[in-house]
Amino acid sequence: MEEQEWNELQNCVDCGASIDPALDRAYVLSEELCLCFACATRRGGNYDALHETWTRAPNVADEPDERRDPELVA
């Protein structure tokens, strides 16, 4: 594996599995956070392979959200 390819791998925020969001059926939470397919479907996500899209998002309420201000959530 080339170094550039290695840098594109991310870890699933649930199980820690190495995934490539560009190639794998990962559910992307942000530029740096994603769920592997197994964890996303375990959380209730539904993936349409024919259209290559998530038709139902997984429940990610317990994951960090960069759009929320941490001071307002506390």
PDB file of N, CA and C in Angstrom:
ATOM      1  N   MET A   1       0.847  -1.169   0.000  1.00  0.00           N
ATOM      2  CA  MET A   1       0.000   0.000   0.000  1.00  0.00           C
ATOM      3  C   MET A   1       0.893   1.234   0.000  1.00  0.00           C
ATOM      4  N   GLU A   2       0.589   2.178  -0.865  1.00  0.00           N
ATOM      5  CA  GLU A   2       1.370   3.395  -0.937  1.00  0.00           C
ATOM      6  C   GLU A   2       1.044   4.314   0.231  1.00  0.00           C
ATOM      7  N   GLU A   3       1.977   5.217   0.544  1.00  0.00           N
ATOM      8  CA  GLU A   3       1.786   6.108   1.692  1.00  0.00           C
ATOM      9  C   GLU A   3       0.549   6.983   1.522  1.00  0.00           C
ATOM     10  N   GLN A   4       0.290   7.469   0.319  1.00  0.00           N
ATOM     11  CA  GLN A   4      -0.881   8.318   0.090  1.00  0.00           C
ATOM     12  C   GLN A   4      -2.168   7.562   0.391  1.00  0.00           C
ATOM     13  N   GLU A   5      -2.251   6.303  -0.028  1.00  0.00           N
ATOM     14  CA  GLU A   5      -3.430   5.496   0.252  1.00  0.00           C
ATOM     15  C   GLU A   5      -3.595   5.271   1.746  1.00  0.00           C
ATOM     16  N   TRP A   6      -2.490   5.048   2.447  1.00  0.00           N
ATOM     17  CA  TRP A   6      -2.547   4.826   3.884  1.00  0.00           C
ATOM     18  C   TRP A   6      -3.105   6.051   4.594  1.00  0.00           C
ATOM     19  N   ASN A   7      -2.732   7.247   4.141  1.00  0.00           N
ATOM     20  CA  ASN A   7      -3.184   8.485   4.774  1.00  0.00           C
ATOM     21  C   ASN A   7      -4.678   8.718   4.578  1.00  0.00           C
ATOM     22  N   GLU A   8      -5.278   8.112   3.581  1.00  0.00           N
ATOM     23  CA  GLU A   8      -6.693   8.297   3.316  1.00  0.00           C
ATOM     24  C   GLU A   8      -7.569   7.376   4.166  1.00  0.00           C
ATOM     25  N   LEU A   9      -6.963   6.393   4.829  1.00  0.00           N
ATOM     26  CA  LEU A   9      -7.725   5.488   5.679  1.00  0.00           C
ATOM     27  C   LEU A   9      -8.150   6.198   6.951  1.00  0.00           C
ATOM     28  N   GLN A  10      -9.332   5.852   7.418  1.00  0.00           N
ATOM     29  CA  GLN A  10      -9.831   6.373   8.677  1.00  0.00           C
ATOM     30  C   GLN A  10     -10.276   5.204   9.533  1.00  0.00           C
ATOM     31  N   ASN A  11     -10.483   5.462  10.799  1.00  0.00           N
ATOM     32  CA  ASN A  11     -10.961   4.428  11.704  1.00  0.00           C
ATOM     33  C   ASN A  11     -12.422   4.674  12.027  1.00  0.00           C
ATOM     34  N   CYS A  12     -13.187   3.613  12.080  1.00  0.00           N
ATOM     35  CA  CYS A  12     -14.586   3.690  12.474  1.00  0.00           C
ATOM     36  C   CYS A  12     -14.641   4.217  13.910  1.00  0.00           C
ATOM     37  N   VAL A  13     -15.528   5.179  14.170  1.00  0.00           N
ATOM     38  CA  VAL A  13     -15.608   5.747  15.514  1.00  0.00           C
ATOM     39  C   VAL A  13     -16.195   4.758  16.516  1.00  0.00           C
ATOM     40  N   ASP A  14     -16.846   3.694  16.057  1.00  0.00           N
ATOM     41  CA  ASP A  14     -17.400   2.687  16.966  1.00  0.00           C
ATOM     42  C   ASP A  14     -16.413   1.558  17.248  1.00  0.00           C
ATOM     43  N   CYS A  15     -16.009   0.859  16.199  1.00  0.00           N
ATOM     44  CA  CYS A  15     -15.215  -0.361  16.392  1.00  0.00           C
ATOM     45  C   CYS A  15     -13.731  -0.185  16.104  1.00  0.00           C
ATOM     46  N   GLY A  16     -13.347   0.917  15.485  1.00  0.00           N
ATOM     47  CA  GLY A  16     -11.949   1.173  15.199  1.00  0.00           C
ATOM     48  C   GLY A  16     -11.425   0.532  13.926  1.00  0.00           C
ATOM     49  N   ALA A  17     -12.285  -0.120  13.158  1.00  0.00           N
ATOM     50  CA  ALA A  17     -11.850  -0.762  11.916  1.00  0.00           C
ATOM     51  C   ALA A  17     -11.317   0.280  10.944  1.00  0.00           C
ATOM     52  N   SER A  18     -10.255  -0.072  10.213  1.00  0.00           N
ATOM     53  CA  SER A  18      -9.708   0.811   9.192  1.00  0.00           C
ATOM     54  C   SER A  18     -10.585   0.740   7.953  1.00  0.00           C
ATOM     55  N   ILE A  19     -10.991   1.911   7.478  1.00  0.00           N
ATOM     56  CA  ILE A  19     -11.848   1.970   6.291  1.00  0.00           C
ATOM     57  C   ILE A  19     -11.395   3.115   5.398  1.00  0.00           C
ATOM     58  N   ASP A  20     -11.701   3.001   4.133  1.00  0.00           N
ATOM     59  CA  ASP A  20     -11.459   4.064   3.168  1.00  0.00           C
ATOM     60  C   ASP A  20     -12.832   4.584   2.747  1.00  0.00           C
ATOM     61  N   PRO A  21     -13.232   5.734   3.256  1.00  0.00           N
ATOM     62  CA  PRO A  21     -14.572   6.245   2.956  1.00  0.00           C
ATOM     63  C   PRO A  21     -14.839   6.426   1.469  1.00  0.00           C
ATOM     64  N   ALA A  22     -13.794   6.597   0.666  1.00  0.00           N
ATOM     65  CA  ALA A  22     -13.980   6.762  -0.770  1.00  0.00           C
ATOM     66  C   ALA A  22     -14.314   5.438  -1.456  1.00  0.00           C
ATOM     67  N   LEU A  23     -13.917   4.321  -0.853  1.00  0.00           N
ATOM     68  CA  LEU A  23     -14.138   3.014  -1.468  1.00  0.00           C
ATOM     69  C   LEU A  23     -15.138   2.149  -0.715  1.00  0.00           C
ATOM     70  N   ASP A  24     -15.114   2.218   0.593  1.00  0.00           N
ATOM     71  CA  ASP A  24     -15.992   1.394   1.412  1.00  0.00           C
ATOM     72  C   ASP A  24     -17.348   2.071   1.585  1.00  0.00           C
ATOM     73  N   ARG A  25     -18.331   1.284   1.958  1.00  0.00           N
ATOM     74  CA  ARG A  25     -19.668   1.826   2.209  1.00  0.00           C
ATOM     75  C   ARG A  25     -19.723   2.422   3.616  1.00  0.00           C
ATOM     76  N   ALA A  26     -18.912   3.402   3.849  1.00  0.00           N
ATOM     77  CA  ALA A  26     -18.866   4.044   5.162  1.00  0.00           C
ATOM     78  C   ALA A  26     -19.927   5.125   5.246  1.00  0.00           C
ATOM     79  N   TYR A  27     -20.403   5.380   6.454  1.00  0.00           N
ATOM     80  CA  TYR A  27     -21.299   6.509   6.692  1.00  0.00           C
ATOM     81  C   TYR A  27     -20.427   7.632   7.242  1.00  0.00           C
ATOM     82  N   VAL A  28     -20.309   8.714   6.503  1.00  0.00           N
ATOM     83  CA  VAL A  28     -19.410   9.801   6.862  1.00  0.00           C
ATOM     84  C   VAL A  28     -20.141  10.801   7.757  1.00  0.00           C
ATOM     85  N   LEU A  29     -19.567  11.014   8.945  1.00  0.00           N
ATOM     86  CA  LEU A  29     -20.118  11.979   9.894  1.00  0.00           C
ATOM     87  C   LEU A  29     -19.523  13.361   9.671  1.00  0.00           C
ATOM     88  N   SER A  30     -18.254  13.406   9.360  1.00  0.00           N
ATOM     89  CA  SER A  30     -17.541  14.656   9.084  1.00  0.00           C
ATOM     90  C   SER A  30     -16.315  14.303   8.266  1.00  0.00           C
ATOM     91  N   GLU A  31     -15.493  15.282   8.016  1.00  0.00           N
ATOM     92  CA  GLU A  31     -14.286  15.038   7.231  1.00  0.00           C
ATOM     93  C   GLU A  31     -13.351  14.050   7.918  1.00  0.00           C
ATOM     94  N   GLU A  32     -13.433  13.970   9.244  1.00  0.00           N
ATOM     95  CA  GLU A  32     -12.520  13.120   9.990  1.00  0.00           C
ATOM     96  C   GLU A  32     -13.192  11.964  10.726  1.00  0.00           C
ATOM     97  N   LEU A  33     -14.512  11.906  10.741  1.00  0.00           N
ATOM     98  CA  LEU A  33     -15.229  10.862  11.484  1.00  0.00           C
ATOM     99  C   LEU A  33     -16.155  10.082  10.561  1.00  0.00           C
ATOM    100  N   CYS A  34     -16.144   8.758  10.712  1.00  0.00           N
ATOM    101  CA  CYS A  34     -17.054   7.937   9.923  1.00  0.00           C
ATOM    102  C   CYS A  34     -17.329   6.624  10.646  1.00  0.00           C
ATOM    103  N   LEU A  35     -18.374   5.957  10.199  1.00  0.00           N
ATOM    104  CA  LEU A  35     -18.749   4.639  10.702  1.00  0.00           C
ATOM    105  C   LEU A  35     -18.530   3.625   9.593  1.00  0.00           C
ATOM    106  N   CYS A  36     -18.024   2.446   9.944  1.00  0.00           N
ATOM    107  CA  CYS A  36     -17.930   1.383   8.955  1.00  0.00           C
ATOM    108  C   CYS A  36     -19.355   0.901   8.632  1.00  0.00           C
ATOM    109  N   PHE A  37     -19.472   0.142   7.561  1.00  0.00           N
ATOM    110  CA  PHE A  37     -20.781  -0.334   7.125  1.00  0.00           C
ATOM    111  C   PHE A  37     -21.483  -1.146   8.214  1.00  0.00           C
ATOM    112  N   ALA A  38     -20.738  -2.039   8.860  1.00  0.00           N
ATOM    113  CA  ALA A  38     -21.338  -2.901   9.887  1.00  0.00           C
ATOM    114  C   ALA A  38     -21.881  -2.071  11.049  1.00  0.00           C
ATOM    115  N   CYS A  39     -21.123  -1.102  11.511  1.00  0.00           N
ATOM    116  CA  CYS A  39     -21.582  -0.279  12.638  1.00  0.00           C
ATOM    117  C   CYS A  39     -22.734   0.634  12.220  1.00  0.00           C
ATOM    118  N   ALA A  40     -22.677   1.161  11.003  1.00  0.00           N
ATOM    119  CA  ALA A  40     -23.755   2.033  10.524  1.00  0.00           C
ATOM    120  C   ALA A  40     -25.071   1.267  10.410  1.00  0.00           C
ATOM    121  N   THR A  41     -25.022   0.045   9.906  1.00  0.00           N
ATOM    122  CA  THR A  41     -26.259  -0.730   9.797  1.00  0.00           C
ATOM    123  C   THR A  41     -26.732  -1.209  11.169  1.00  0.00           C
ATOM    124  N   ARG A  42     -25.798  -1.522  12.064  1.00  0.00           N
ATOM    125  CA  ARG A  42     -26.181  -1.914  13.430  1.00  0.00           C
ATOM    126  C   ARG A  42     -26.908  -0.769  14.129  1.00  0.00           C
ATOM    127  N   ARG A  43     -26.568   0.450  13.771  1.00  0.00           N
ATOM    128  CA  ARG A  43     -27.210   1.636  14.349  1.00  0.00           C
ATOM    129  C   ARG A  43     -28.491   2.014  13.610  1.00  0.00           C
ATOM    130  N   GLY A  44     -28.942   1.176  12.711  1.00  0.00           N
ATOM    131  CA  GLY A  44     -30.219   1.401  12.042  1.00  0.00           C
ATOM    132  C   GLY A  44     -30.127   2.012  10.657  1.00  0.00           C
ATOM    133  N   GLY A  45     -28.925   2.220  10.161  1.00  0.00           N
ATOM    134  CA  GLY A  45     -28.769   2.777   8.816  1.00  0.00           C
ATOM    135  C   GLY A  45     -29.149   1.767   7.753  1.00  0.00           C
ATOM    136  N   ASN A  46     -29.636   2.264   6.637  1.00  0.00           N
ATOM    137  CA  ASN A  46     -30.020   1.408   5.526  1.00  0.00           C
ATOM    138  C   ASN A  46     -29.344   1.930   4.261  1.00  0.00           C
ATOM    139  N   TYR A  47     -28.559   1.071   3.598  1.00  0.00           N
ATOM    140  CA  TYR A  47     -27.796   1.448   2.418  1.00  0.00           C
ATOM    141  C   TYR A  47     -28.418   0.842   1.173  1.00  0.00           C
ATOM    142  N   ASP A  48     -28.666   1.671   0.163  1.00  0.00           N
ATOM    143  CA  ASP A  48     -29.201   1.221  -1.119  1.00  0.00           C
ATOM    144  C   ASP A  48     -28.026   1.030  -2.068  1.00  0.00           C
ATOM    145  N   ALA A  49     -27.635  -0.225  -2.286  1.00  0.00           N
ATOM    146  CA  ALA A  49     -26.468  -0.524  -3.110  1.00  0.00           C
ATOM    147  C   ALA A  49     -26.693  -0.141  -4.568  1.00  0.00           C
ATOM    148  N   LEU A  50     -27.925  -0.245  -5.053  1.00  0.00           N
ATOM    149  CA  LEU A  50     -28.210   0.091  -6.442  1.00  0.00           C
ATOM    150  C   LEU A  50     -27.932   1.568  -6.719  1.00  0.00           C
ATOM    151  N   HIS A  51     -28.343   2.432  -5.803  1.00  0.00           N
ATOM    152  CA  HIS A  51     -28.148   3.874  -5.970  1.00  0.00           C
ATOM    153  C   HIS A  51     -26.927   4.402  -5.220  1.00  0.00           C
ATOM    154  N   GLU A  52     -26.244   3.505  -4.520  1.00  0.00           N
ATOM    155  CA  GLU A  52     -25.043   3.835  -3.757  1.00  0.00           C
ATOM    156  C   GLU A  52     -25.245   5.036  -2.841  1.00  0.00           C
ATOM    157  N   THR A  53     -26.295   4.936  -2.019  1.00  0.00           N
ATOM    158  CA  THR A  53     -26.605   6.007  -1.085  1.00  0.00           C
ATOM    159  C   THR A  53     -27.260   5.438   0.166  1.00  0.00           C
ATOM    160  N   TRP A  54     -27.157   6.172   1.249  1.00  0.00           N
ATOM    161  CA  TRP A  54     -27.828   5.779   2.490  1.00  0.00           C
ATOM    162  C   TRP A  54     -29.257   6.292   2.426  1.00  0.00           C
ATOM    163  N   THR A  55     -30.232   5.386   2.467  1.00  0.00           N
ATOM    164  CA  THR A  55     -31.633   5.786   2.431  1.00  0.00           C
ATOM    165  C   THR A  55     -32.166   6.105   3.820  1.00  0.00           C
ATOM    166  N   ARG A  56     -31.530   5.562   4.841  1.00  0.00           N
ATOM    167  CA  ARG A  56     -31.857   5.893   6.228  1.00  0.00           C
ATOM    168  C   ARG A  56     -30.537   6.035   6.977  1.00  0.00           C
ATOM    169  N   ALA A  57     -30.363   7.174   7.588  1.00  0.00           N
ATOM    170  CA  ALA A  57     -29.128   7.443   8.320  1.00  0.00           C
ATOM    171  C   ALA A  57     -29.093   6.640   9.613  1.00  0.00           C
ATOM    172  N   PRO A  58     -27.916   6.207  10.011  1.00  0.00           N
ATOM    173  CA  PRO A  58     -27.798   5.531  11.302  1.00  0.00           C
ATOM    174  C   PRO A  58     -27.983   6.529  12.446  1.00  0.00           C
ATOM    175  N   ASN A  59     -28.319   6.023  13.601  1.00  0.00           N
ATOM    176  CA  ASN A  59     -28.456   6.870  14.779  1.00  0.00           C
ATOM    177  C   ASN A  59     -27.058   7.239  15.260  1.00  0.00           C
ATOM    178  N   VAL A  60     -26.729   8.512  15.183  1.00  0.00           N
ATOM    179  CA  VAL A  60     -25.406   8.984  15.589  1.00  0.00           C
ATOM    180  C   VAL A  60     -25.509  10.060  16.669  1.00  0.00           C
ATOM    181  N   ALA A  61     -26.586  10.040  17.419  1.00  0.00           N
ATOM    182  CA  ALA A  61     -26.817  11.065  18.432  1.00  0.00           C
ATOM    183  C   ALA A  61     -25.726  11.091  19.492  1.00  0.00           C
ATOM    184  N   ASP A  62     -25.066   9.959  19.734  1.00  0.00           N
ATOM    185  CA  ASP A  62     -24.029   9.914  20.762  1.00  0.00           C
ATOM    186  C   ASP A  62     -22.636  10.236  20.228  1.00  0.00           C
ATOM    187  N   GLU A  63     -22.516  10.536  18.951  1.00  0.00           N
ATOM    188  CA  GLU A  63     -21.218  10.860  18.358  1.00  0.00           C
ATOM    189  C   GLU A  63     -20.998  12.370  18.332  1.00  0.00           C
ATOM    190  N   PRO A  64     -19.733  12.805  18.311  1.00  0.00           N
ATOM    191  CA  PRO A  64     -19.442  14.245  18.273  1.00  0.00           C
ATOM    192  C   PRO A  64     -20.004  14.892  17.014  1.00  0.00           C
ATOM    193  N   ASP A  65     -20.443  16.125  17.149  1.00  0.00           N
ATOM    194  CA  ASP A  65     -20.960  16.889  16.019  1.00  0.00           C
ATOM    195  C   ASP A  65     -20.216  18.218  16.008  1.00  0.00           C
ATOM    196  N   GLU A  66     -19.388  18.424  14.995  1.00  0.00           N
ATOM    197  CA  GLU A  66     -18.579  19.633  14.918  1.00  0.00           C
ATOM    198  C   GLU A  66     -19.424  20.891  14.782  1.00  0.00           C
ATOM    199  N   ARG A  67     -20.683  20.748  14.384  1.00  0.00           N
ATOM    200  CA  ARG A  67     -21.536  21.907  14.199  1.00  0.00           C
ATOM    201  C   ARG A  67     -22.111  22.423  15.511  1.00  0.00           C
ATOM    202  N   ARG A  68     -22.094  21.571  16.559  1.00  0.00           N
ATOM    203  CA  ARG A  68     -22.621  21.988  17.850  1.00  0.00           C
ATOM    204  C   ARG A  68     -21.537  22.660  18.678  1.00  0.00           C
ATOM    205  N   ASP A  69     -21.901  23.690  19.378  1.00  0.00           N
ATOM    206  CA  ASP A  69     -20.980  24.370  20.280  1.00  0.00           C
ATOM    207  C   ASP A  69     -20.961  23.592  21.592  1.00  0.00           C
ATOM    208  N   PRO A  70     -19.813  23.020  21.988  1.00  0.00           N
ATOM    209  CA  PRO A  70     -19.769  22.194  23.209  1.00  0.00           C
ATOM    210  C   PRO A  70     -20.231  22.954  24.450  1.00  0.00           C
ATOM    211  N   GLU A  71     -20.059  24.257  24.491  1.00  0.00           N
ATOM    212  CA  GLU A  71     -20.479  25.030  25.655  1.00  0.00           C
ATOM    213  C   GLU A  71     -21.996  25.123  25.756  1.00  0.00           C
ATOM    214  N   LEU A  72     -22.687  25.061  24.613  1.00  0.00           N
ATOM    215  CA  LEU A  72     -24.145  25.131  24.627  1.00  0.00           C
ATOM    216  C   LEU A  72     -24.779  23.792  24.985  1.00  0.00           C
ATOM    217  N   VAL A  73     -24.081  22.686  24.693  1.00  0.00           N
ATOM    218  CA  VAL A  73     -24.618  21.349  24.934  1.00  0.00           C
ATOM    219  C   VAL A  73     -24.548  21.001  26.410  1.00  0.00           C
ATOM    220  N   ALA A  74     -23.528  21.463  27.117  1.00  0.00           N
ATOM    221  CA  ALA A  74     -23.322  21.119  28.521  1.00  0.00           C
ATOM    222  C   ALA A  74     -24.321  21.699  29.449  1.00  0.00           C
TER     223      ALA A  74
END
